[in-house]
PDB file of N, CA and C in Angstrom:
ATOM      1  N   MET A   1       9.526 -45.912 -31.400  1.00  0.00           N
ATOM      2  CA  MET A   1       9.869 -47.284 -31.711  1.00  0.00           C
ATOM      3  C   MET A   1       9.575 -48.164 -30.498  1.00  0.00           C
ATOM      4  N   LYS A   2       8.857 -49.216 -30.721  1.00  0.00           N
ATOM      5  CA  LYS A   2       8.472 -50.125 -29.649  1.00  0.00           C
ATOM      6  C   LYS A   2       9.468 -51.276 -29.584  1.00  0.00           C
ATOM      7  N   TYR A   3      10.024 -51.492 -28.393  1.00  0.00           N
ATOM      8  CA  TYR A   3      10.923 -52.622 -28.197  1.00  0.00           C
ATOM      9  C   TYR A   3      10.728 -53.184 -26.798  1.00  0.00           C
ATOM     10  N   VAL A   4      11.258 -54.395 -26.588  1.00  0.00           N
ATOM     11  CA  VAL A   4      11.147 -55.056 -25.291  1.00  0.00           C
ATOM     12  C   VAL A   4      12.497 -55.658 -24.919  1.00  0.00           C
ATOM     13  N   ILE A   5      12.669 -55.883 -23.639  1.00  0.00           N
ATOM     14  CA  ILE A   5      13.791 -56.667 -23.130  1.00  0.00           C
ATOM     15  C   ILE A   5      13.182 -57.982 -22.660  1.00  0.00           C
ATOM     16  N   VAL A   6      13.664 -59.087 -23.226  1.00  0.00           N
ATOM     17  CA  VAL A   6      13.092 -60.399 -22.938  1.00  0.00           C
ATOM     18  C   VAL A   6      14.191 -61.322 -22.438  1.00  0.00           C
ATOM     19  N   GLU A   7      13.825 -62.223 -21.531  1.00  0.00           N
ATOM     20  CA  GLU A   7      14.771 -63.203 -21.009  1.00  0.00           C
ATOM     21  C   GLU A   7      14.493 -64.554 -21.657  1.00  0.00           C
ATOM     22  N   CYS A   8      15.565 -65.189 -22.149  1.00  0.00           N
ATOM     23  CA  CYS A   8      15.445 -66.484 -22.795  1.00  0.00           C
ATOM     24  C   CYS A   8      16.721 -67.267 -22.518  1.00  0.00           C
ATOM     25  N   GLY A   9      16.601 -68.388 -21.846  1.00  0.00           N
ATOM     26  CA  GLY A   9      17.767 -69.202 -21.549  1.00  0.00           C
ATOM     27  C   GLY A   9      18.706 -68.559 -20.550  1.00  0.00           C
ATOM     28  N   GLY A  10      18.189 -67.735 -19.639  1.00  0.00           N
ATOM     29  CA  GLY A  10      19.019 -67.111 -18.631  1.00  0.00           C
ATOM     30  C   GLY A  10      19.760 -65.878 -19.121  1.00  0.00           C
ATOM     31  N   LYS A  11      19.528 -65.458 -20.357  1.00  0.00           N
ATOM     32  CA  LYS A  11      20.173 -64.269 -20.912  1.00  0.00           C
ATOM     33  C   LYS A  11      19.098 -63.282 -21.349  1.00  0.00           C
ATOM     34  N   GLN A  12      19.461 -62.008 -21.417  1.00  0.00           N
ATOM     35  CA  GLN A  12      18.506 -60.966 -21.780  1.00  0.00           C
ATOM     36  C   GLN A  12      18.810 -60.441 -23.182  1.00  0.00           C
ATOM     37  N   TYR A  13      17.746 -60.214 -23.950  1.00  0.00           N
ATOM     38  CA  TYR A  13      17.871 -59.761 -25.327  1.00  0.00           C
ATOM     39  C   TYR A  13      16.931 -58.598 -25.569  1.00  0.00           C
ATOM     40  N   ARG A  14      17.347 -57.697 -26.463  1.00  0.00           N
ATOM     41  CA  ARG A  14      16.487 -56.590 -26.881  1.00  0.00           C
ATOM     42  C   ARG A  14      15.844 -56.975 -28.207  1.00  0.00           C
ATOM     43  N   ALA A  15      14.524 -56.850 -28.287  1.00  0.00           N
ATOM     44  CA  ALA A  15      13.800 -57.260 -29.486  1.00  0.00           C
ATOM     45  C   ALA A  15      12.791 -56.183 -29.868  1.00  0.00           C
ATOM     46  N   ALA A  16      12.685 -55.932 -31.158  1.00  0.00           N
ATOM     47  CA  ALA A  16      11.686 -55.018 -31.700  1.00  0.00           C
ATOM     48  C   ALA A  16      10.891 -55.768 -32.758  1.00  0.00           C
ATOM     49  N   GLU A  17       9.709 -55.254 -33.090  1.00  0.00           N
ATOM     50  CA  GLU A  17       8.883 -55.915 -34.096  1.00  0.00           C
ATOM     51  C   GLU A  17       9.600 -55.917 -35.441  1.00  0.00           C
ATOM     52  N   GLY A  18       9.648 -57.099 -36.066  1.00  0.00           N
ATOM     53  CA  GLY A  18      10.295 -57.231 -37.361  1.00  0.00           C
ATOM     54  C   GLY A  18      11.793 -57.484 -37.300  1.00  0.00           C
ATOM     55  N   SER A  19      12.380 -57.483 -36.105  1.00  0.00           N
ATOM     56  CA  SER A  19      13.831 -57.668 -35.996  1.00  0.00           C
ATOM     57  C   SER A  19      14.184 -59.138 -35.848  1.00  0.00           C
ATOM     58  N   LEU A  20      15.449 -59.439 -36.080  1.00  0.00           N
ATOM     59  CA  LEU A  20      15.980 -60.790 -35.891  1.00  0.00           C
ATOM     60  C   LEU A  20      16.733 -60.834 -34.571  1.00  0.00           C
ATOM     61  N   VAL A  21      16.515 -61.901 -33.801  1.00  0.00           N
ATOM     62  CA  VAL A  21      17.176 -62.073 -32.512  1.00  0.00           C
ATOM     63  C   VAL A  21      17.809 -63.458 -32.484  1.00  0.00           C
ATOM     64  N   SER A  22      19.094 -63.519 -32.119  1.00  0.00           N
ATOM     65  CA  SER A  22      19.786 -64.801 -31.996  1.00  0.00           C
ATOM     66  C   SER A  22      19.825 -65.197 -30.529  1.00  0.00           C
ATOM     67  N   VAL A  23      19.237 -66.352 -30.200  1.00  0.00           N
ATOM     68  CA  VAL A  23      19.194 -66.861 -28.829  1.00  0.00           C
ATOM     69  C   VAL A  23      19.825 -68.253 -28.800  1.00  0.00           C
ATOM     70  N   ASP A  24      20.098 -68.762 -27.600  1.00  0.00           N
ATOM     71  CA  ASP A  24      20.586 -70.131 -27.490  1.00  0.00           C
ATOM     72  C   ASP A  24      19.552 -71.071 -28.097  1.00  0.00           C
ATOM     73  N   ARG A  25      20.012 -72.202 -28.575  1.00  0.00           N
ATOM     74  CA  ARG A  25      19.163 -73.111 -29.349  1.00  0.00           C
ATOM     75  C   ARG A  25      17.867 -73.461 -28.611  1.00  0.00           C
ATOM     76  N   LEU A  26      16.762 -73.341 -29.337  1.00  0.00           N
ATOM     77  CA  LEU A  26      15.440 -73.691 -28.829  1.00  0.00           C
ATOM     78  C   LEU A  26      14.941 -74.927 -29.557  1.00  0.00           C
ATOM     79  N   PRO A  27      14.138 -75.752 -28.888  1.00  0.00           N
ATOM     80  CA  PRO A  27      13.566 -76.904 -29.586  1.00  0.00           C
ATOM     81  C   PRO A  27      12.540 -76.443 -30.611  1.00  0.00           C
ATOM     82  N   GLY A  28      12.473 -77.156 -31.707  1.00  0.00           N
ATOM     83  CA  GLY A  28      11.516 -76.815 -32.755  1.00  0.00           C
ATOM     84  C   GLY A  28      12.194 -76.814 -34.107  1.00  0.00           C
ATOM     85  N   ASN A  29      11.370 -76.796 -35.143  1.00  0.00           N
ATOM     86  CA  ASN A  29      11.866 -76.797 -36.512  1.00  0.00           C
ATOM     87  C   ASN A  29      11.755 -75.407 -37.108  1.00  0.00           C
ATOM     88  N   VAL A  30      12.418 -75.215 -38.232  1.00  0.00           N
ATOM     89  CA  VAL A  30      12.361 -73.934 -38.940  1.00  0.00           C
ATOM     90  C   VAL A  30      10.918 -73.682 -39.375  1.00  0.00           C
ATOM     91  N   GLY A  31      10.433 -72.488 -39.083  1.00  0.00           N
ATOM     92  CA  GLY A  31       9.066 -72.115 -39.424  1.00  0.00           C
ATOM     93  C   GLY A  31       8.082 -72.268 -38.279  1.00  0.00           C
ATOM     94  N   ASP A  32       8.477 -72.943 -37.209  1.00  0.00           N
ATOM     95  CA  ASP A  32       7.586 -73.119 -36.063  1.00  0.00           C
ATOM     96  C   ASP A  32       7.414 -71.800 -35.306  1.00  0.00           C
ATOM     97  N   PRO A  33       6.216 -71.548 -34.773  1.00  0.00           N
ATOM     98  CA  PRO A  33       6.021 -70.346 -33.956  1.00  0.00           C
ATOM     99  C   PRO A  33       6.574 -70.553 -32.543  1.00  0.00           C
ATOM    100  N   VAL A  34       7.063 -69.468 -31.953  1.00  0.00           N
ATOM    101  CA  VAL A  34       7.617 -69.485 -30.605  1.00  0.00           C
ATOM    102  C   VAL A  34       6.978 -68.341 -29.830  1.00  0.00           C
ATOM    103  N   THR A  35       6.616 -68.596 -28.579  1.00  0.00           N
ATOM    104  CA  THR A  35       6.063 -67.567 -27.708  1.00  0.00           C
ATOM    105  C   THR A  35       7.011 -67.351 -26.550  1.00  0.00           C
ATOM    106  N   LEU A  36       7.456 -66.110 -26.385  1.00  0.00           N
ATOM    107  CA  LEU A  36       8.332 -65.743 -25.269  1.00  0.00           C
ATOM    108  C   LEU A  36       7.529 -64.876 -24.318  1.00  0.00           C
ATOM    109  N   ASP A  37       7.378 -65.336 -23.070  1.00  0.00           N
ATOM    110  CA  ASP A  37       6.559 -64.597 -22.113  1.00  0.00           C
ATOM    111  C   ASP A  37       7.355 -64.036 -20.942  1.00  0.00           C
ATOM    112  N   GLN A  38       8.669 -64.183 -20.959  1.00  0.00           N
ATOM    113  CA  GLN A  38       9.518 -63.663 -19.887  1.00  0.00           C
ATOM    114  C   GLN A  38       9.957 -62.234 -20.243  1.00  0.00           C
ATOM    115  N   VAL A  39       8.999 -61.315 -20.320  1.00  0.00           N
ATOM    116  CA  VAL A  39       9.270 -59.932 -20.712  1.00  0.00           C
ATOM    117  C   VAL A  39       9.588 -59.110 -19.471  1.00  0.00           C
ATOM    118  N   LEU A  40      10.757 -58.448 -19.485  1.00  0.00           N
ATOM    119  CA  LEU A  40      11.205 -57.669 -18.334  1.00  0.00           C
ATOM    120  C   LEU A  40      10.888 -56.185 -18.467  1.00  0.00           C
ATOM    121  N   LEU A  41      10.856 -55.671 -19.706  1.00  0.00           N
ATOM    122  CA  LEU A  41      10.624 -54.248 -19.926  1.00  0.00           C
ATOM    123  C   LEU A  41       9.962 -54.046 -21.283  1.00  0.00           C
ATOM    124  N   VAL A  42       9.034 -53.110 -21.331  1.00  0.00           N
ATOM    125  CA  VAL A  42       8.399 -52.731 -22.595  1.00  0.00           C
ATOM    126  C   VAL A  42       8.594 -51.227 -22.758  1.00  0.00           C
ATOM    127  N   ALA A  43       9.164 -50.811 -23.890  1.00  0.00           N
ATOM    128  CA  ALA A  43       9.391 -49.400 -24.169  1.00  0.00           C
ATOM    129  C   ALA A  43       8.622 -49.031 -25.433  1.00  0.00           C
ATOM    130  N   ASP A  44       7.791 -47.990 -25.330  1.00  0.00           N
ATOM    131  CA  ASP A  44       7.029 -47.502 -26.472  1.00  0.00           C
ATOM    132  C   ASP A  44       7.197 -45.990 -26.525  1.00  0.00           C
ATOM    133  N   ASP A  45       8.080 -45.515 -27.392  1.00  0.00           N
ATOM    134  CA  ASP A  45       8.443 -44.101 -27.505  1.00  0.00           C
ATOM    135  C   ASP A  45       8.924 -43.572 -26.145  1.00  0.00           C
ATOM    136  N   ASP A  46       8.113 -42.752 -25.472  1.00  0.00           N
ATOM    137  CA  ASP A  46       8.535 -42.173 -24.192  1.00  0.00           C
ATOM    138  C   ASP A  46       8.011 -42.932 -22.984  1.00  0.00           C
ATOM    139  N   LYS A  47       7.173 -43.933 -23.211  1.00  0.00           N
ATOM    140  CA  LYS A  47       6.572 -44.682 -22.103  1.00  0.00           C
ATOM    141  C   LYS A  47       7.366 -45.962 -21.847  1.00  0.00           C
ATOM    142  N   PHE A  48       7.633 -46.242 -20.576  1.00  0.00           N
ATOM    143  CA  PHE A  48       8.340 -47.459 -20.189  1.00  0.00           C
ATOM    144  C   PHE A  48       7.485 -48.225 -19.196  1.00  0.00           C
ATOM    145  N   LEU A  49       7.397 -49.535 -19.403  1.00  0.00           N
ATOM    146  CA  LEU A  49       6.671 -50.419 -18.501  1.00  0.00           C
ATOM    147  C   LEU A  49       7.683 -51.421 -17.969  1.00  0.00           C
ATOM    148  N   VAL A  50       8.054 -51.289 -16.699  1.00  0.00           N
ATOM    149  CA  VAL A  50       9.069 -52.140 -16.100  1.00  0.00           C
ATOM    150  C   VAL A  50       8.391 -53.164 -15.217  1.00  0.00           C
ATOM    151  N   GLY A  51       8.757 -54.425 -15.391  1.00  0.00           N
ATOM    152  CA  GLY A  51       8.161 -55.501 -14.612  1.00  0.00           C
ATOM    153  C   GLY A  51       8.835 -55.672 -13.277  1.00  0.00           C
ATOM    154  N   THR A  52       8.130 -56.333 -12.362  1.00  0.00           N
ATOM    155  CA  THR A  52       8.686 -56.622 -11.040  1.00  0.00           C
ATOM    156  C   THR A  52       8.500 -58.094 -10.707  1.00  0.00           C
ATOM    157  N   PRO A  53       9.220 -59.034 -11.208  1.00  0.00           N
ATOM    158  CA  PRO A  53      10.295 -58.916 -12.185  1.00  0.00           C
ATOM    159  C   PRO A  53       9.797 -58.985 -13.633  1.00  0.00           C
ATOM    160  N   LEU A  54       8.558 -59.452 -13.868  1.00  0.00           N
ATOM    161  CA  LEU A  54       8.062 -59.593 -15.239  1.00  0.00           C
ATOM    162  C   LEU A  54       6.879 -58.668 -15.479  1.00  0.00           C
ATOM    163  N   VAL A  55       6.700 -58.252 -16.728  1.00  0.00           N
ATOM    164  CA  VAL A  55       5.541 -57.450 -17.113  1.00  0.00           C
ATOM    165  C   VAL A  55       4.384 -58.411 -17.351  1.00  0.00           C
ATOM    166  N   LYS A  56       3.309 -58.247 -16.589  1.00  0.00           N
ATOM    167  CA  LYS A  56       2.161 -59.159 -16.705  1.00  0.00           C
ATOM    168  C   LYS A  56       1.423 -58.903 -18.009  1.00  0.00           C
ATOM    169  N   GLY A  57       1.112 -59.990 -18.702  1.00  0.00           N
ATOM    170  CA  GLY A  57       0.347 -59.896 -19.933  1.00  0.00           C
ATOM    171  C   GLY A  57       1.154 -59.561 -21.172  1.00  0.00           C
ATOM    172  N   ALA A  58       2.450 -59.390 -21.037  1.00  0.00           N
ATOM    173  CA  ALA A  58       3.282 -59.080 -22.203  1.00  0.00           C
ATOM    174  C   ALA A  58       3.808 -60.377 -22.809  1.00  0.00           C
ATOM    175  N   VAL A  59       3.637 -60.508 -24.126  1.00  0.00           N
ATOM    176  CA  VAL A  59       4.021 -61.726 -24.837  1.00  0.00           C
ATOM    177  C   VAL A  59       4.662 -61.332 -26.170  1.00  0.00           C
ATOM    178  N   ILE A  60       5.685 -62.071 -26.562  1.00  0.00           N
ATOM    179  CA  ILE A  60       6.309 -61.882 -27.866  1.00  0.00           C
ATOM    180  C   ILE A  60       6.004 -63.098 -28.716  1.00  0.00           C
ATOM    181  N   LYS A  61       5.476 -62.868 -29.888  1.00  0.00           N
ATOM    182  CA  LYS A  61       5.236 -63.941 -30.856  1.00  0.00           C
ATOM    183  C   LYS A  61       6.354 -63.866 -31.889  1.00  0.00           C
ATOM    184  N   ALA A  62       7.056 -64.997 -32.080  1.00  0.00           N
ATOM    185  CA  ALA A  62       8.182 -65.040 -33.015  1.00  0.00           C
ATOM    186  C   ALA A  62       8.116 -66.320 -33.829  1.00  0.00           C
ATOM    187  N   LYS A  63       8.966 -66.387 -34.851  1.00  0.00           N
ATOM    188  CA  LYS A  63       9.036 -67.543 -35.731  1.00  0.00           C
ATOM    189  C   LYS A  63      10.497 -67.944 -35.868  1.00  0.00           C
ATOM    190  N   ILE A  64      10.773 -69.251 -35.860  1.00  0.00           N
ATOM    191  CA  ILE A  64      12.136 -69.745 -36.008  1.00  0.00           C
ATOM    192  C   ILE A  64      12.546 -69.605 -37.469  1.00  0.00           C
ATOM    193  N   VAL A  65      13.637 -68.879 -37.699  1.00  0.00           N
ATOM    194  CA  VAL A  65      14.132 -68.660 -39.051  1.00  0.00           C
ATOM    195  C   VAL A  65      15.201 -69.695 -39.404  1.00  0.00           C
ATOM    196  N   GLU A  66      16.142 -69.942 -38.471  1.00  0.00           N
ATOM    197  CA  GLU A  66      17.195 -70.919 -38.727  1.00  0.00           C
ATOM    198  C   GLU A  66      17.856 -71.352 -37.431  1.00  0.00           C
ATOM    199  N   HIS A  67      18.516 -72.513 -37.505  1.00  0.00           N
ATOM    200  CA  HIS A  67      19.392 -73.002 -36.456  1.00  0.00           C
ATOM    201  C   HIS A  67      20.796 -72.947 -37.028  1.00  0.00           C
ATOM    202  N   TYR A  68      21.760 -72.470 -36.245  1.00  0.00           N
ATOM    203  CA  TYR A  68      23.126 -72.392 -36.745  1.00  0.00           C
ATOM    204  C   TYR A  68      24.115 -72.514 -35.600  1.00  0.00           C
ATOM    205  N   LYS A  69      25.379 -72.720 -35.962  1.00  0.00           N
ATOM    206  CA  LYS A  69      26.451 -72.832 -34.978  1.00  0.00           C
ATOM    207  C   LYS A  69      27.254 -71.541 -34.962  1.00  0.00           C
ATOM    208  N   GLY A  70      27.711 -71.168 -33.785  1.00  0.00           N
ATOM    209  CA  GLY A  70      28.522 -69.969 -33.639  1.00  0.00           C
ATOM    210  C   GLY A  70      29.971 -70.227 -33.995  1.00  0.00           C
ATOM    211  N   LYS A  71      30.798 -69.235 -33.763  1.00  0.00           N
ATOM    212  CA  LYS A  71      32.220 -69.309 -34.049  1.00  0.00           C
ATOM    213  C   LYS A  71      32.889 -70.310 -33.114  1.00  0.00           C
ATOM    214  N   LYS A  72      33.896 -71.014 -33.612  1.00  0.00           N
ATOM    215  CA  LYS A  72      34.592 -72.013 -32.807  1.00  0.00           C
ATOM    216  C   LYS A  72      35.486 -71.333 -31.771  1.00  0.00           C
ATOM    217  N   ILE A  73      35.420 -71.837 -30.553  1.00  0.00           N
ATOM    218  CA  ILE A  73      36.257 -71.353 -29.461  1.00  0.00           C
ATOM    219  C   ILE A  73      37.227 -72.473 -29.098  1.00  0.00           C
ATOM    220  N   LEU A  74      38.515 -72.170 -29.096  1.00  0.00           N
ATOM    221  CA  LEU A  74      39.525 -73.166 -28.735  1.00  0.00           C
ATOM    222  C   LEU A  74      39.887 -73.024 -27.266  1.00  0.00           C
ATOM    223  N   VAL A  75      39.961 -74.162 -26.581  1.00  0.00           N
ATOM    224  CA  VAL A  75      40.317 -74.204 -25.168  1.00  0.00           C
ATOM    225  C   VAL A  75      41.584 -75.035 -25.055  1.00  0.00           C
ATOM    226  N   PHE A  76      42.617 -74.483 -24.411  1.00  0.00           N
ATOM    227  CA  PHE A  76      43.901 -75.168 -24.304  1.00  0.00           C
ATOM    228  C   PHE A  76      44.334 -75.217 -22.848  1.00  0.00           C
ATOM    229  N   HIS A  77      44.488 -76.438 -22.304  1.00  0.00           N
ATOM    230  CA  HIS A  77      44.961 -76.641 -20.936  1.00  0.00           C
ATOM    231  C   HIS A  77      46.427 -77.036 -21.005  1.00  0.00           C
ATOM    232  N   TYR A  78      47.251 -76.381 -20.188  1.00  0.00           N
ATOM    233  CA  TYR A  78      48.692 -76.610 -20.236  1.00  0.00           C
ATOM    234  C   TYR A  78      49.263 -76.492 -18.836  1.00  0.00           C
ATOM    235  N   LYS A  79      50.097 -77.450 -18.466  1.00  0.00           N
ATOM    236  CA  LYS A  79      50.816 -77.368 -17.197  1.00  0.00           C
ATOM    237  C   LYS A  79      52.298 -77.529 -17.496  1.00  0.00           C
ATOM    238  N   SER A  80      53.066 -76.546 -17.094  1.00  0.00           N
ATOM    239  CA  SER A  80      54.496 -76.579 -17.396  1.00  0.00           C
ATOM    240  C   SER A  80      55.191 -77.677 -16.595  1.00  0.00           C
ATOM    241  N   ARG A  81      56.217 -78.245 -17.195  1.00  0.00           N
ATOM    242  CA  ARG A  81      57.079 -79.288 -16.602  1.00  0.00           C
ATOM    243  C   ARG A  81      56.324 -80.562 -16.249  1.00  0.00           C
ATOM    244  N   GLU A  82      55.103 -80.718 -16.694  1.00  0.00           N
ATOM    245  CA  GLU A  82      54.354 -81.933 -16.382  1.00  0.00           C
ATOM    246  C   GLU A  82      53.885 -82.655 -17.635  1.00  0.00           C
ATOM    247  N   ASN A  83      54.231 -82.146 -18.802  1.00  0.00           N
ATOM    248  CA  ASN A  83      53.874 -82.755 -20.081  1.00  0.00           C
ATOM    249  C   ASN A  83      52.356 -82.948 -20.208  1.00  0.00           C
ATOM    250  N   ILE A  84      51.611 -81.969 -19.719  1.00  0.00           N
ATOM    251  CA  ILE A  84      50.158 -82.023 -19.829  1.00  0.00           C
ATOM    252  C   ILE A  84      49.716 -80.933 -20.790  1.00  0.00           C
ATOM    253  N   ARG A  85      49.188 -81.351 -21.920  1.00  0.00           N
ATOM    254  CA  ARG A  85      48.668 -80.427 -22.920  1.00  0.00           C
ATOM    255  C   ARG A  85      47.379 -81.022 -23.472  1.00  0.00           C
ATOM    256  N   LYS A  86      46.307 -80.288 -23.340  1.00  0.00           N
ATOM    257  CA  LYS A  86      45.021 -80.788 -23.826  1.00  0.00           C
ATOM    258  C   LYS A  86      44.318 -79.658 -24.573  1.00  0.00           C
ATOM    259  N   ARG A  87      43.924 -79.908 -25.811  1.00  0.00           N
ATOM    260  CA  ARG A  87      43.239 -78.903 -26.615  1.00  0.00           C
ATOM    261  C   ARG A  87      41.856 -79.423 -26.993  1.00  0.00           C
ATOM    262  N   SER A  88      40.871 -78.575 -26.842  1.00  0.00           N
ATOM    263  CA  SER A  88      39.521 -78.938 -27.255  1.00  0.00           C
ATOM    264  C   SER A  88      38.841 -77.702 -27.820  1.00  0.00           C
ATOM    265  N   GLY A  89      37.776 -77.920 -28.543  1.00  0.00           N
ATOM    266  CA  GLY A  89      37.039 -76.818 -29.136  1.00  0.00           C
ATOM    267  C   GLY A  89      35.562 -76.903 -28.790  1.00  0.00           C
ATOM    268  N   HIS A  90      34.873 -75.790 -28.981  1.00  0.00           N
ATOM    269  CA  HIS A  90      33.448 -75.736 -28.687  1.00  0.00           C
ATOM    270  C   HIS A  90      32.772 -74.801 -29.683  1.00  0.00           C
ATOM    271  N   ARG A  91      31.623 -75.207 -30.196  1.00  0.00           N
ATOM    272  CA  ARG A  91      30.797 -74.354 -31.052  1.00  0.00           C
ATOM    273  C   ARG A  91      29.396 -74.311 -30.472  1.00  0.00           C
ATOM    274  N   GLN A  92      28.999 -73.140 -30.003  1.00  0.00           N
ATOM    275  CA  GLN A  92      27.675 -72.968 -29.403  1.00  0.00           C
ATOM    276  C   GLN A  92      26.606 -73.016 -30.490  1.00  0.00           C
ATOM    277  N   GLN A  93      25.482 -73.639 -30.188  1.00  0.00           N
ATOM    278  CA  GLN A  93      24.377 -73.713 -31.141  1.00  0.00           C
ATOM    279  C   GLN A  93      23.358 -72.616 -30.824  1.00  0.00           C
ATOM    280  N   TYR A  94      22.918 -71.927 -31.863  1.00  0.00           N
ATOM    281  CA  TYR A  94      21.998 -70.809 -31.725  1.00  0.00           C
ATOM    282  C   TYR A  94      20.750 -71.019 -32.577  1.00  0.00           C
ATOM    283  N   THR A  95      19.707 -70.266 -32.236  1.00  0.00           N
ATOM    284  CA  THR A  95      18.480 -70.210 -33.020  1.00  0.00           C
ATOM    285  C   THR A  95      18.213 -68.749 -33.345  1.00  0.00           C
ATOM    286  N   ARG A  96      17.942 -68.460 -34.605  1.00  0.00           N
ATOM    287  CA  ARG A  96      17.620 -67.098 -35.012  1.00  0.00           C
ATOM    288  C   ARG A  96      16.101 -66.980 -35.103  1.00  0.00           C
ATOM    289  N   LEU A  97      15.543 -65.978 -34.405  1.00  0.00           N
ATOM    290  CA  LEU A  97      14.098 -65.756 -34.353  1.00  0.00           C
ATOM    291  C   LEU A  97      13.732 -64.480 -35.085  1.00  0.00           C
ATOM    292  N   GLN A  98      12.613 -64.506 -35.795  1.00  0.00           N
ATOM    293  CA  GLN A  98      12.023 -63.314 -36.426  1.00  0.00           C
ATOM    294  C   GLN A  98      10.859 -62.879 -35.546  1.00  0.00           C
ATOM    295  N   VAL A  99      10.965 -61.712 -34.928  1.00  0.00           N
ATOM    296  CA  VAL A  99       9.903 -61.206 -34.032  1.00  0.00           C
ATOM    297  C   VAL A  99       8.753 -60.712 -34.903  1.00  0.00           C
ATOM    298  N   GLU A 100       7.575 -61.302 -34.722  1.00  0.00           N
ATOM    299  CA  GLU A 100       6.413 -60.924 -35.527  1.00  0.00           C
ATOM    300  C   GLU A 100       5.541 -59.885 -34.825  1.00  0.00           C
ATOM    301  N   SER A 101       5.312 -60.069 -33.536  1.00  0.00           N
ATOM    302  CA  SER A 101       4.463 -59.098 -32.836  1.00  0.00           C
ATOM    303  C   SER A 101       4.802 -59.054 -31.346  1.00  0.00           C
ATOM    304  N   ILE A 102       4.548 -57.884 -30.766  1.00  0.00           N
ATOM    305  CA  ILE A 102       4.699 -57.675 -29.323  1.00  0.00           C
ATOM    306  C   ILE A 102       3.327 -57.305 -28.794  1.00  0.00           C
ATOM    307  N   GLN A 103       2.804 -58.125 -27.883  1.00  0.00           N
ATOM    308  CA  GLN A 103       1.458 -57.893 -27.355  1.00  0.00           C
ATOM    309  C   GLN A 103       1.539 -57.554 -25.878  1.00  0.00           C
ATOM    310  N   VAL A 104       0.922 -56.440 -25.494  1.00  0.00           N
ATOM    311  CA  VAL A 104       0.883 -56.015 -24.102  1.00  0.00           C
ATOM    312  C   VAL A 104      -0.563 -55.783 -23.733  1.00  0.00           C
ATOM    313  N   GLU A 105      -1.010 -56.379 -22.641  1.00  0.00           N
ATOM    314  CA  GLU A 105      -2.400 -56.189 -22.180  1.00  0.00           C
ATOM    315  C   GLU A 105      -2.504 -55.008 -21.249  1.00  0.00           C
TER     316      GLU A 105
END
């Protein structure tokens, strides 16, 4: 099974051909092609190609499937005896990618 470790938005993700990968929101519309070239590792059965820090010539071609919001996270600030209570929420925006091909030169 061929898979890669790719960096996108400061985070690392494992991707294989035909798999879905959720990354932080990327610019673009649904159906647009995306090229990820920050490949850190390529694994093909028993062979591993490790970059220093990147694998030269390795590119992932993907397609944007959807944009969506993650689960809501509640943040509550409280200070005792000072009547300070502040509640806020946050929903991270994500992009789901369909990996179409992994190309290594």
